[in-house]
Amino acid sequence: MSSIKRIEPGARMSQAVVHGGLIWLAGQVGTAGADVTTQTKDALAHVDRLLAEAGSDKSKILQTTIWMASMSDFAEMNAVWDQWVDPANPPARATGEAKLATPEYKVEVIVVAAA
């Protein structure tokens, strides 16, 4: 049986879990209260850092779910995403509107990647 690696475990959750050749990231957010561009850049930087710690990178992302406080910010978020995503290896992606943990958060990014 393969082992389970937990990255940045806390009392409530781990920021990433690696098992069976896959990496699951917790929802990543940016600086609370910042604009959508800044929050998206921050969240994607967290994704990059956690994937690197797990021995992977954005070219190995299989699926991304993006929750937004308001779909009216969809174009602003996509402008950042389009500059960040690996164009040769775009993941499956879904984006939806949801009430996030606090009103100061505008974007949350959830990733599943190959190790």
PDB file of N, CA and C in Angstrom:
ATOM      1  N   MET A   1       0.839  -1.178   0.000  1.00  0.00           N
ATOM      2  CA  MET A   1       0.000   0.000   0.000  1.00  0.00           C
ATOM      3  C   MET A   1       0.884   1.243   0.000  1.00  0.00           C
ATOM      4  N   SER A   2       0.549   2.209  -0.836  1.00  0.00           N
ATOM      5  CA  SER A   2       1.358   3.427  -0.897  1.00  0.00           C
ATOM      6  C   SER A   2       1.062   4.328   0.299  1.00  0.00           C
ATOM      7  N   SER A   3       2.045   5.117   0.646  1.00  0.00           N
ATOM      8  CA  SER A   3       1.902   5.994   1.805  1.00  0.00           C
ATOM      9  C   SER A   3       1.132   7.257   1.439  1.00  0.00           C
ATOM     10  N   ILE A   4       0.687   7.948   2.458  1.00  0.00           N
ATOM     11  CA  ILE A   4       0.004   9.225   2.294  1.00  0.00           C
ATOM     12  C   ILE A   4       0.920  10.302   2.850  1.00  0.00           C
ATOM     13  N   LYS A   5       1.197  11.321   2.025  1.00  0.00           N
ATOM     14  CA  LYS A   5       2.020  12.450   2.459  1.00  0.00           C
ATOM     15  C   LYS A   5       1.107  13.657   2.612  1.00  0.00           C
ATOM     16  N   ARG A   6       1.178  14.310   3.759  1.00  0.00           N
ATOM     17  CA  ARG A   6       0.389  15.511   4.007  1.00  0.00           C
ATOM     18  C   ARG A   6       1.334  16.712   4.072  1.00  0.00           C
ATOM     19  N   ILE A   7       1.029  17.721   3.294  1.00  0.00           N
ATOM     20  CA  ILE A   7       1.851  18.925   3.229  1.00  0.00           C
ATOM     21  C   ILE A   7       1.138  20.036   3.988  1.00  0.00           C
ATOM     22  N   GLU A   8       1.875  20.672   4.891  1.00  0.00           N
ATOM     23  CA  GLU A   8       1.340  21.735   5.739  1.00  0.00           C
ATOM     24  C   GLU A   8       0.056  21.303   6.447  1.00  0.00           C
ATOM     25  N   PRO A   9       0.129  20.187   7.207  1.00  0.00           N
ATOM     26  CA  PRO A   9      -1.061  19.754   7.942  1.00  0.00           C
ATOM     27  C   PRO A   9      -1.367  20.700   9.097  1.00  0.00           C
ATOM     28  N   GLY A  10      -2.628  20.891   9.342  1.00  0.00           N
ATOM     29  CA  GLY A  10      -3.075  21.712  10.467  1.00  0.00           C
ATOM     30  C   GLY A  10      -4.141  20.961  11.238  1.00  0.00           C
ATOM     31  N   ALA A  11      -4.711  21.600  12.212  1.00  0.00           N
ATOM     32  CA  ALA A  11      -5.734  20.963  13.036  1.00  0.00           C
ATOM     33  C   ALA A  11      -6.988  20.621  12.227  1.00  0.00           C
ATOM     34  N   ARG A  12      -7.307  21.431  11.223  1.00  0.00           N
ATOM     35  CA  ARG A  12      -8.532  21.239  10.457  1.00  0.00           C
ATOM     36  C   ARG A  12      -8.296  20.558   9.114  1.00  0.00           C
ATOM     37  N   MET A  13      -7.152  20.842   8.486  1.00  0.00           N
ATOM     38  CA  MET A  13      -6.914  20.324   7.131  1.00  0.00           C
ATOM     39  C   MET A  13      -5.445  20.439   6.776  1.00  0.00           C
ATOM     40  N   SER A  14      -5.065  19.741   5.718  1.00  0.00           N
ATOM     41  CA  SER A  14      -3.734  19.879   5.129  1.00  0.00           C
ATOM     42  C   SER A  14      -3.869  20.734   3.880  1.00  0.00           C
ATOM     43  N   GLN A  15      -2.811  21.455   3.535  1.00  0.00           N
ATOM     44  CA  GLN A  15      -2.846  22.256   2.311  1.00  0.00           C
ATOM     45  C   GLN A  15      -2.738  21.383   1.066  1.00  0.00           C
ATOM     46  N   ALA A  16      -2.122  20.201   1.214  1.00  0.00           N
ATOM     47  CA  ALA A  16      -2.040  19.258   0.097  1.00  0.00           C
ATOM     48  C   ALA A  16      -1.912  17.854   0.659  1.00  0.00           C
ATOM     49  N   VAL A  17      -2.405  16.883  -0.106  1.00  0.00           N
ATOM     50  CA  VAL A  17      -2.278  15.471   0.241  1.00  0.00           C
ATOM     51  C   VAL A  17      -1.823  14.739  -1.016  1.00  0.00           C
ATOM     52  N   VAL A  18      -0.782  13.916  -0.847  1.00  0.00           N
ATOM     53  CA  VAL A  18      -0.224  13.138  -1.963  1.00  0.00           C
ATOM     54  C   VAL A  18      -0.451  11.664  -1.669  1.00  0.00           C
ATOM     55  N   HIS A  19      -1.061  10.958  -2.623  1.00  0.00           N
ATOM     56  CA  HIS A  19      -1.317   9.525  -2.450  1.00  0.00           C
ATOM     57  C   HIS A  19      -1.587   8.898  -3.815  1.00  0.00           C
ATOM     58  N   GLY A  20      -1.026   7.726  -4.027  1.00  0.00           N
ATOM     59  CA  GLY A  20      -1.328   6.974  -5.242  1.00  0.00           C
ATOM     60  C   GLY A  20      -1.011   7.714  -6.521  1.00  0.00           C
ATOM     61  N   GLY A  21       0.025   8.532  -6.515  1.00  0.00           N
ATOM     62  CA  GLY A  21       0.418   9.252  -7.726  1.00  0.00           C
ATOM     63  C   GLY A  21      -0.389  10.508  -8.002  1.00  0.00           C
ATOM     64  N   LEU A  22      -1.260  10.886  -7.070  1.00  0.00           N
ATOM     65  CA  LEU A  22      -2.070  12.087  -7.243  1.00  0.00           C
ATOM     66  C   LEU A  22      -1.822  13.065  -6.110  1.00  0.00           C
ATOM     67  N   ILE A  23      -2.084  14.336  -6.399  1.00  0.00           N
ATOM     68  CA  ILE A  23      -1.941  15.421  -5.425  1.00  0.00           C
ATOM     69  C   ILE A  23      -3.257  16.180  -5.396  1.00  0.00           C
ATOM     70  N   TRP A  24      -3.823  16.299  -4.201  1.00  0.00           N
ATOM     71  CA  TRP A  24      -5.030  17.090  -4.001  1.00  0.00           C
ATOM     72  C   TRP A  24      -4.651  18.322  -3.194  1.00  0.00           C
ATOM     73  N   LEU A  25      -4.996  19.495  -3.701  1.00  0.00           N
ATOM     74  CA  LEU A  25      -4.743  20.729  -2.956  1.00  0.00           C
ATOM     75  C   LEU A  25      -6.028  21.215  -2.306  1.00  0.00           C
ATOM     76  N   ALA A  26      -5.888  21.758  -1.103  1.00  0.00           N
ATOM     77  CA  ALA A  26      -6.999  22.467  -0.481  1.00  0.00           C
ATOM     78  C   ALA A  26      -7.268  23.720  -1.312  1.00  0.00           C
ATOM     79  N   GLY A  27      -8.404  24.339  -1.106  1.00  0.00           N
ATOM     80  CA  GLY A  27      -8.702  25.578  -1.807  1.00  0.00           C
ATOM     81  C   GLY A  27      -7.679  26.649  -1.470  1.00  0.00           C
ATOM     82  N   GLN A  28      -7.113  27.253  -2.490  1.00  0.00           N
ATOM     83  CA  GLN A  28      -6.083  28.285  -2.316  1.00  0.00           C
ATOM     84  C   GLN A  28      -6.689  29.648  -2.617  1.00  0.00           C
ATOM     85  N   VAL A  29      -6.424  30.588  -1.727  1.00  0.00           N
ATOM     86  CA  VAL A  29      -6.949  31.942  -1.865  1.00  0.00           C
ATOM     87  C   VAL A  29      -5.802  32.938  -1.809  1.00  0.00           C
ATOM     88  N   GLY A  30      -6.102  34.161  -2.160  1.00  0.00           N
ATOM     89  CA  GLY A  30      -5.097  35.217  -2.112  1.00  0.00           C
ATOM     90  C   GLY A  30      -5.307  36.124  -0.918  1.00  0.00           C
ATOM     91  N   THR A  31      -4.750  37.298  -0.993  1.00  0.00           N
ATOM     92  CA  THR A  31      -4.829  38.275   0.082  1.00  0.00           C
ATOM     93  C   THR A  31      -6.272  38.759   0.239  1.00  0.00           C
ATOM     94  N   ALA A  32      -6.844  38.518   1.410  1.00  0.00           N
ATOM     95  CA  ALA A  32      -8.225  38.929   1.672  1.00  0.00           C
ATOM     96  C   ALA A  32      -8.373  40.433   1.464  1.00  0.00           C
ATOM     97  N   GLY A  33      -9.421  40.812   0.749  1.00  0.00           N
ATOM     98  CA  GLY A  33      -9.699  42.222   0.517  1.00  0.00           C
ATOM     99  C   GLY A  33      -9.037  42.809  -0.714  1.00  0.00           C
ATOM    100  N   ALA A  34      -8.069  42.097  -1.293  1.00  0.00           N
ATOM    101  CA  ALA A  34      -7.406  42.585  -2.507  1.00  0.00           C
ATOM    102  C   ALA A  34      -8.346  42.422  -3.711  1.00  0.00           C
ATOM    103  N   ASP A  35      -7.971  43.023  -4.833  1.00  0.00           N
ATOM    104  CA  ASP A  35      -8.793  42.882  -6.038  1.00  0.00           C
ATOM    105  C   ASP A  35      -8.669  41.472  -6.616  1.00  0.00           C
ATOM    106  N   VAL A  36      -9.522  41.150  -7.571  1.00  0.00           N
ATOM    107  CA  VAL A  36      -9.574  39.810  -8.158  1.00  0.00           C
ATOM    108  C   VAL A  36      -8.244  39.448  -8.818  1.00  0.00           C
ATOM    109  N   THR A  37      -7.614  40.387  -9.505  1.00  0.00           N
ATOM    110  CA  THR A  37      -6.337  40.110 -10.153  1.00  0.00           C
ATOM    111  C   THR A  37      -5.294  39.681  -9.120  1.00  0.00           C
ATOM    112  N   THR A  38      -5.167  40.442  -8.059  1.00  0.00           N
ATOM    113  CA  THR A  38      -4.182  40.129  -7.017  1.00  0.00           C
ATOM    114  C   THR A  38      -4.509  38.806  -6.340  1.00  0.00           C
ATOM    115  N   GLN A  39      -5.783  38.605  -5.989  1.00  0.00           N
ATOM    116  CA  GLN A  39      -6.151  37.355  -5.330  1.00  0.00           C
ATOM    117  C   GLN A  39      -5.899  36.144  -6.225  1.00  0.00           C
ATOM    118  N   THR A  40      -6.169  36.272  -7.506  1.00  0.00           N
ATOM    119  CA  THR A  40      -5.931  35.155  -8.424  1.00  0.00           C
ATOM    120  C   THR A  40      -4.438  34.878  -8.543  1.00  0.00           C
ATOM    121  N   LYS A  41      -3.632  35.923  -8.711  1.00  0.00           N
ATOM    122  CA  LYS A  41      -2.173  35.738  -8.783  1.00  0.00           C
ATOM    123  C   LYS A  41      -1.642  35.082  -7.514  1.00  0.00           C
ATOM    124  N   ASP A  42      -2.109  35.548  -6.356  1.00  0.00           N
ATOM    125  CA  ASP A  42      -1.671  34.977  -5.073  1.00  0.00           C
ATOM    126  C   ASP A  42      -2.056  33.505  -4.972  1.00  0.00           C
ATOM    127  N   ALA A  43      -3.307  33.185  -5.296  1.00  0.00           N
ATOM    128  CA  ALA A  43      -3.782  31.801  -5.196  1.00  0.00           C
ATOM    129  C   ALA A  43      -2.979  30.888  -6.118  1.00  0.00           C
ATOM    130  N   LEU A  44      -2.705  31.338  -7.337  1.00  0.00           N
ATOM    131  CA  LEU A  44      -1.939  30.516  -8.276  1.00  0.00           C
ATOM    132  C   LEU A  44      -0.485  30.368  -7.840  1.00  0.00           C
ATOM    133  N   ALA A  45       0.061  31.377  -7.179  1.00  0.00           N
ATOM    134  CA  ALA A  45       1.410  31.259  -6.621  1.00  0.00           C
ATOM    135  C   ALA A  45       1.434  30.199  -5.519  1.00  0.00           C
ATOM    136  N   HIS A  46       0.372  30.141  -4.710  1.00  0.00           N
ATOM    137  CA  HIS A  46       0.271  29.091  -3.688  1.00  0.00           C
ATOM    138  C   HIS A  46       0.193  27.710  -4.350  1.00  0.00           C
ATOM    139  N   VAL A  47      -0.564  27.607  -5.436  1.00  0.00           N
ATOM    140  CA  VAL A  47      -0.657  26.350  -6.184  1.00  0.00           C
ATOM    141  C   VAL A  47       0.724  25.932  -6.670  1.00  0.00           C
ATOM    142  N   ASP A  48       1.457  26.859  -7.278  1.00  0.00           N
ATOM    143  CA  ASP A  48       2.816  26.556  -7.763  1.00  0.00           C
ATOM    144  C   ASP A  48       3.704  26.048  -6.632  1.00  0.00           C
ATOM    145  N   ARG A  49       3.667  26.741  -5.492  1.00  0.00           N
ATOM    146  CA  ARG A  49       4.520  26.376  -4.357  1.00  0.00           C
ATOM    147  C   ARG A  49       4.174  24.996  -3.812  1.00  0.00           C
ATOM    148  N   LEU A  50       2.893  24.721  -3.632  1.00  0.00           N
ATOM    149  CA  LEU A  50       2.484  23.426  -3.086  1.00  0.00           C
ATOM    150  C   LEU A  50       2.778  22.282  -4.057  1.00  0.00           C
ATOM    151  N   LEU A  51       2.538  22.503  -5.343  1.00  0.00           N
ATOM    152  CA  LEU A  51       2.857  21.465  -6.327  1.00  0.00           C
ATOM    153  C   LEU A  51       4.356  21.180  -6.335  1.00  0.00           C
ATOM    154  N   ALA A  52       5.174  22.221  -6.254  1.00  0.00           N
ATOM    155  CA  ALA A  52       6.629  22.025  -6.214  1.00  0.00           C
ATOM    156  C   ALA A  52       7.021  21.218  -4.985  1.00  0.00           C
ATOM    157  N   GLU A  53       6.431  21.533  -3.844  1.00  0.00           N
ATOM    158  CA  GLU A  53       6.750  20.783  -2.630  1.00  0.00           C
ATOM    159  C   GLU A  53       6.339  19.316  -2.750  1.00  0.00           C
ATOM    160  N   ALA A  54       5.296  19.061  -3.529  1.00  0.00           N
ATOM    161  CA  ALA A  54       4.829  17.689  -3.743  1.00  0.00           C
ATOM    162  C   ALA A  54       5.587  16.997  -4.872  1.00  0.00           C
ATOM    163  N   GLY A  55       6.500  17.712  -5.530  1.00  0.00           N
ATOM    164  CA  GLY A  55       7.278  17.121  -6.622  1.00  0.00           C
ATOM    165  C   GLY A  55       6.597  17.203  -7.969  1.00  0.00           C
ATOM    166  N   SER A  56       5.749  18.191  -8.165  1.00  0.00           N
ATOM    167  CA  SER A  56       5.013  18.326  -9.417  1.00  0.00           C
ATOM    168  C   SER A  56       5.055  19.780  -9.875  1.00  0.00           C
ATOM    169  N   ASP A  57       4.278  20.089 -10.897  1.00  0.00           N
ATOM    170  CA  ASP A  57       4.165  21.466 -11.382  1.00  0.00           C
ATOM    171  C   ASP A  57       2.863  21.613 -12.156  1.00  0.00           C
ATOM    172  N   LYS A  58       2.589  22.840 -12.589  1.00  0.00           N
ATOM    173  CA  LYS A  58       1.305  23.119 -13.240  1.00  0.00           C
ATOM    174  C   LYS A  58       1.085  22.354 -14.542  1.00  0.00           C
ATOM    175  N   SER A  59       2.135  21.851 -15.167  1.00  0.00           N
ATOM    176  CA  SER A  59       1.955  21.060 -16.391  1.00  0.00           C
ATOM    177  C   SER A  59       1.293  19.715 -16.110  1.00  0.00           C
ATOM    178  N   LYS A  60       1.240  19.328 -14.842  1.00  0.00           N
ATOM    179  CA  LYS A  60       0.661  18.035 -14.461  1.00  0.00           C
ATOM    180  C   LYS A  60      -0.697  18.180 -13.778  1.00  0.00           C
ATOM    181  N   ILE A  61      -1.275  19.377 -13.829  1.00  0.00           N
ATOM    182  CA  ILE A  61      -2.609  19.564 -13.249  1.00  0.00           C
ATOM    183  C   ILE A  61      -3.623  18.826 -14.120  1.00  0.00           C
ATOM    184  N   LEU A  62      -4.448  18.020 -13.462  1.00  0.00           N
ATOM    185  CA  LEU A  62      -5.481  17.254 -14.156  1.00  0.00           C
ATOM    186  C   LEU A  62      -6.812  18.000 -14.172  1.00  0.00           C
ATOM    187  N   GLN A  63      -7.150  18.596 -13.032  1.00  0.00           N
ATOM    188  CA  GLN A  63      -8.429  19.279 -12.908  1.00  0.00           C
ATOM    189  C   GLN A  63      -8.300  20.471 -11.977  1.00  0.00           C
ATOM    190  N   THR A  64      -8.981  21.547 -12.326  1.00  0.00           N
ATOM    191  CA  THR A  64      -9.045  22.734 -11.478  1.00  0.00           C
ATOM    192  C   THR A  64     -10.499  23.151 -11.327  1.00  0.00           C
ATOM    193  N   THR A  65     -10.870  23.450 -10.096  1.00  0.00           N
ATOM    194  CA  THR A  65     -12.175  24.042  -9.815  1.00  0.00           C
ATOM    195  C   THR A  65     -11.910  25.435  -9.260  1.00  0.00           C
ATOM    196  N   ILE A  66     -12.549  26.423  -9.839  1.00  0.00           N
ATOM    197  CA  ILE A  66     -12.392  27.803  -9.383  1.00  0.00           C
ATOM    198  C   ILE A  66     -13.745  28.300  -8.905  1.00  0.00           C
ATOM    199  N   TRP A  67     -13.786  28.703  -7.643  1.00  0.00           N
ATOM    200  CA  TRP A  67     -14.973  29.320  -7.085  1.00  0.00           C
ATOM    201  C   TRP A  67     -14.760  30.823  -7.039  1.00  0.00           C
ATOM    202  N   MET A  68     -15.770  31.550  -7.464  1.00  0.00           N
ATOM    203  CA  MET A  68     -15.703  33.006  -7.468  1.00  0.00           C
ATOM    204  C   MET A  68     -16.885  33.569  -6.683  1.00  0.00           C
ATOM    205  N   ALA A  69     -16.626  34.624  -5.923  1.00  0.00           N
ATOM    206  CA  ALA A  69     -17.705  35.269  -5.179  1.00  0.00           C
ATOM    207  C   ALA A  69     -18.717  35.885  -6.135  1.00  0.00           C
ATOM    208  N   SER A  70     -18.241  36.329  -7.299  1.00  0.00           N
ATOM    209  CA  SER A  70     -19.127  36.921  -8.306  1.00  0.00           C
ATOM    210  C   SER A  70     -18.620  36.584  -9.702  1.00  0.00           C
ATOM    211  N   MET A  71     -19.481  36.017 -10.509  1.00  0.00           N
ATOM    212  CA  MET A  71     -19.089  35.702 -11.888  1.00  0.00           C
ATOM    213  C   MET A  71     -18.897  36.968 -12.717  1.00  0.00           C
ATOM    214  N   SER A  72     -19.265  38.118 -12.185  1.00  0.00           N
ATOM    215  CA  SER A  72     -18.994  39.367 -12.901  1.00  0.00           C
ATOM    216  C   SER A  72     -17.486  39.631 -12.986  1.00  0.00           C
ATOM    217  N   ASP A  73     -16.689  38.927 -12.157  1.00  0.00           N
ATOM    218  CA  ASP A  73     -15.228  39.056 -12.174  1.00  0.00           C
ATOM    219  C   ASP A  73     -14.549  37.973 -13.017  1.00  0.00           C
ATOM    220  N   PHE A  74     -15.344  37.205 -13.757  1.00  0.00           N
ATOM    221  CA  PHE A  74     -14.828  36.071 -14.536  1.00  0.00           C
ATOM    222  C   PHE A  74     -13.728  36.487 -15.517  1.00  0.00           C
ATOM    223  N   ALA A  75     -13.931  37.545 -16.263  1.00  0.00           N
ATOM    224  CA  ALA A  75     -12.940  37.986 -17.254  1.00  0.00           C
ATOM    225  C   ALA A  75     -11.640  38.422 -16.583  1.00  0.00           C
ATOM    226  N   GLU A  76     -11.743  39.104 -15.443  1.00  0.00           N
ATOM    227  CA  GLU A  76     -10.553  39.560 -14.724  1.00  0.00           C
ATOM    228  C   GLU A  76      -9.741  38.363 -14.214  1.00  0.00           C
ATOM    229  N   MET A  77     -10.433  37.363 -13.664  1.00  0.00           N
ATOM    230  CA  MET A  77      -9.746  36.153 -13.207  1.00  0.00           C
ATOM    231  C   MET A  77      -9.117  35.429 -14.388  1.00  0.00           C
ATOM    232  N   ASN A  78      -9.852  35.292 -15.496  1.00  0.00           N
ATOM    233  CA  ASN A  78      -9.341  34.588 -16.669  1.00  0.00           C
ATOM    234  C   ASN A  78      -8.118  35.268 -17.276  1.00  0.00           C
ATOM    235  N   ALA A  79      -8.027  36.576 -17.183  1.00  0.00           N
ATOM    236  CA  ALA A  79      -6.854  37.281 -17.707  1.00  0.00           C
ATOM    237  C   ALA A  79      -5.591  36.812 -16.982  1.00  0.00           C
ATOM    238  N   VAL A  80      -5.693  36.590 -15.673  1.00  0.00           N
ATOM    239  CA  VAL A  80      -4.555  36.083 -14.899  1.00  0.00           C
ATOM    240  C   VAL A  80      -4.330  34.614 -15.215  1.00  0.00           C
ATOM    241  N   TRP A  81      -5.397  33.829 -15.210  1.00  0.00           N
ATOM    242  CA  TRP A  81      -5.303  32.388 -15.488  1.00  0.00           C
ATOM    243  C   TRP A  81      -4.626  32.136 -16.839  1.00  0.00           C
ATOM    244  N   ASP A  82      -5.072  32.866 -17.869  1.00  0.00           N
ATOM    245  CA  ASP A  82      -4.559  32.642 -19.222  1.00  0.00           C
ATOM    246  C   ASP A  82      -3.060  32.903 -19.325  1.00  0.00           C
ATOM    247  N   GLN A  83      -2.537  33.827 -18.529  1.00  0.00           N
ATOM    248  CA  GLN A  83      -1.094  34.091 -18.505  1.00  0.00           C
ATOM    249  C   GLN A  83      -0.333  33.036 -17.709  1.00  0.00           C
ATOM    250  N   TRP A  84      -1.009  32.369 -16.770  1.00  0.00           N
ATOM    251  CA  TRP A  84      -0.372  31.412 -15.862  1.00  0.00           C
ATOM    252  C   TRP A  84      -0.422  29.977 -16.369  1.00  0.00           C
ATOM    253  N   VAL A  85      -1.538  29.551 -16.898  1.00  0.00           N
ATOM    254  CA  VAL A  85      -1.735  28.137 -17.253  1.00  0.00           C
ATOM    255  C   VAL A  85      -0.720  27.689 -18.310  1.00  0.00           C
ATOM    256  N   ASP A  86      -0.301  26.427 -18.212  1.00  0.00           N
ATOM    257  CA  ASP A  86       0.610  25.858 -19.209  1.00  0.00           C
ATOM    258  C   ASP A  86      -0.193  25.619 -20.493  1.00  0.00           C
ATOM    259  N   PRO A  87       0.067  26.388 -21.560  1.00  0.00           N
ATOM    260  CA  PRO A  87      -0.760  26.268 -22.762  1.00  0.00           C
ATOM    261  C   PRO A  87      -0.654  24.904 -23.451  1.00  0.00           C
ATOM    262  N   ALA A  88       0.439  24.191 -23.219  1.00  0.00           N
ATOM    263  CA  ALA A  88       0.589  22.866 -23.811  1.00  0.00           C
ATOM    264  C   ALA A  88      -0.133  21.786 -23.011  1.00  0.00           C
ATOM    265  N   ASN A  89      -0.512  22.113 -21.756  1.00  0.00           N
ATOM    266  CA  ASN A  89      -1.127  21.117 -20.873  1.00  0.00           C
ATOM    267  C   ASN A  89      -2.269  21.710 -20.050  1.00  0.00           C
ATOM    268  N   PRO A  90      -3.272  22.292 -20.703  1.00  0.00           N
ATOM    269  CA  PRO A  90      -4.361  22.876 -19.921  1.00  0.00           C
ATOM    270  C   PRO A  90      -5.184  21.773 -19.244  1.00  0.00           C
ATOM    271  N   PRO A  91      -5.540  21.982 -17.977  1.00  0.00           N
ATOM    272  CA  PRO A  91      -6.331  20.969 -17.274  1.00  0.00           C
ATOM    273  C   PRO A  91      -7.817  21.074 -17.617  1.00  0.00           C
ATOM    274  N   ALA A  92      -8.569  20.059 -17.219  1.00  0.00           N
ATOM    275  CA  ALA A  92     -10.020  20.201 -17.200  1.00  0.00           C
ATOM    276  C   ALA A  92     -10.314  21.271 -16.151  1.00  0.00           C
ATOM    277  N   ARG A  93     -11.329  22.095 -16.395  1.00  0.00           N
ATOM    278  CA  ARG A  93     -11.584  23.190 -15.452  1.00  0.00           C
ATOM    279  C   ARG A  93     -13.068  23.490 -15.370  1.00  0.00           C
ATOM    280  N   ALA A  94     -13.508  23.805 -14.168  1.00  0.00           N
ATOM    281  CA  ALA A  94     -14.866  24.286 -13.946  1.00  0.00           C
ATOM    282  C   ALA A  94     -14.772  25.544 -13.100  1.00  0.00           C
ATOM    283  N   THR A  95     -15.644  26.504 -13.381  1.00  0.00           N
ATOM    284  CA  THR A  95     -15.687  27.739 -12.611  1.00  0.00           C
ATOM    285  C   THR A  95     -17.136  28.002 -12.238  1.00  0.00           C
ATOM    286  N   GLY A  96     -17.350  28.361 -10.983  1.00  0.00           N
ATOM    287  CA  GLY A  96     -18.707  28.650 -10.542  1.00  0.00           C
ATOM    288  C   GLY A  96     -18.716  29.756  -9.510  1.00  0.00           C
ATOM    289  N   GLU A  97     -19.909  30.222  -9.219  1.00  0.00           N
ATOM    290  CA  GLU A  97     -20.082  31.270  -8.229  1.00  0.00           C
ATOM    291  C   GLU A  97     -20.534  30.642  -6.921  1.00  0.00           C
ATOM    292  N   ALA A  98     -19.910  31.077  -5.823  1.00  0.00           N
ATOM    293  CA  ALA A  98     -20.250  30.548  -4.503  1.00  0.00           C
ATOM    294  C   ALA A  98     -19.917  31.581  -3.435  1.00  0.00           C
ATOM    295  N   LYS A  99     -20.598  31.487  -2.322  1.00  0.00           N
ATOM    296  CA  LYS A  99     -20.240  32.314  -1.172  1.00  0.00           C
ATOM    297  C   LYS A  99     -18.981  31.699  -0.579  1.00  0.00           C
ATOM    298  N   LEU A 100     -17.882  32.459  -0.511  1.00  0.00           N
ATOM    299  CA  LEU A 100     -16.607  31.952  -0.009  1.00  0.00           C
ATOM    300  C   LEU A 100     -16.523  32.143   1.502  1.00  0.00           C
ATOM    301  N   ALA A 101     -15.431  31.700   2.106  1.00  0.00           N
ATOM    302  CA  ALA A 101     -15.298  31.663   3.568  1.00  0.00           C
ATOM    303  C   ALA A 101     -15.566  33.005   4.239  1.00  0.00           C
ATOM    304  N   THR A 102     -15.106  34.079   3.627  1.00  0.00           N
ATOM    305  CA  THR A 102     -15.406  35.422   4.136  1.00  0.00           C
ATOM    306  C   THR A 102     -15.684  36.315   2.925  1.00  0.00           C
ATOM    307  N   PRO A 103     -16.403  37.410   3.129  1.00  0.00           N
ATOM    308  CA  PRO A 103     -16.700  38.306   1.999  1.00  0.00           C
ATOM    309  C   PRO A 103     -15.454  38.945   1.388  1.00  0.00           C
ATOM    310  N   GLU A 104     -14.335  38.932   2.096  1.00  0.00           N
ATOM    311  CA  GLU A 104     -13.099  39.519   1.573  1.00  0.00           C
ATOM    312  C   GLU A 104     -12.439  38.647   0.509  1.00  0.00           C
ATOM    313  N   TYR A 105     -12.830  37.369   0.421  1.00  0.00           N
ATOM    314  CA  TYR A 105     -12.279  36.482  -0.608  1.00  0.00           C
ATOM    315  C   TYR A 105     -13.142  36.552  -1.855  1.00  0.00           C
ATOM    316  N   LYS A 106     -12.484  36.678  -3.000  1.00  0.00           N
ATOM    317  CA  LYS A 106     -13.183  36.781  -4.277  1.00  0.00           C
ATOM    318  C   LYS A 106     -12.956  35.560  -5.169  1.00  0.00           C
ATOM    319  N   VAL A 107     -11.831  34.823  -4.926  1.00  0.00           N
ATOM    320  CA  VAL A 107     -11.450  33.689  -5.778  1.00  0.00           C
ATOM    321  C   VAL A 107     -10.859  32.588  -4.901  1.00  0.00           C
ATOM    322  N   GLU A 108     -11.233  31.344  -5.192  1.00  0.00           N
ATOM    323  CA  GLU A 108     -10.619  30.179  -4.526  1.00  0.00           C
ATOM    324  C   GLU A 108     -10.326  29.139  -5.610  1.00  0.00           C
ATOM    325  N   VAL A 109      -9.109  28.613  -5.605  1.00  0.00           N
ATOM    326  CA  VAL A 109      -8.650  27.682  -6.631  1.00  0.00           C
ATOM    327  C   VAL A 109      -8.359  26.324  -5.987  1.00  0.00           C
ATOM    328  N   ILE A 110      -8.972  25.267  -6.532  1.00  0.00           N
ATOM    329  CA  ILE A 110      -8.813  23.901  -6.030  1.00  0.00           C
ATOM    330  C   ILE A 110      -8.234  23.064  -7.165  1.00  0.00           C
ATOM    331  N   VAL A 111      -7.168  22.300  -6.859  1.00  0.00           N
ATOM    332  CA  VAL A 111      -6.432  21.585  -7.905  1.00  0.00           C
ATOM    333  C   VAL A 111      -6.241  20.119  -7.542  1.00  0.00           C
ATOM    334  N   VAL A 112      -6.340  19.268  -8.565  1.00  0.00           N
ATOM    335  CA  VAL A 112      -5.909  17.872  -8.486  1.00  0.00           C
ATOM    336  C   VAL A 112      -4.849  17.707  -9.579  1.00  0.00           C
ATOM    337  N   ALA A 113      -3.692  17.149  -9.200  1.00  0.00           N
ATOM    338  CA  ALA A 113      -2.584  17.015 -10.162  1.00  0.00           C
ATOM    339  C   ALA A 113      -1.949  15.636 -10.048  1.00  0.00           C
ATOM    340  N   ALA A 114      -1.223  15.273 -11.080  1.00  0.00           N
ATOM    341  CA  ALA A 114      -0.410  14.061 -11.049  1.00  0.00           C
ATOM    342  C   ALA A 114       0.907  14.372 -10.367  1.00  0.00           C
ATOM    343  N   ALA A 115       1.397  13.389  -9.629  1.00  0.00           N
ATOM    344  CA  ALA A 115       2.677  13.576  -8.928  1.00  0.00           C
ATOM    345  C   ALA A 115       3.823  13.442  -9.913  1.00  0.00           C
TER     346      ALA A 115
END
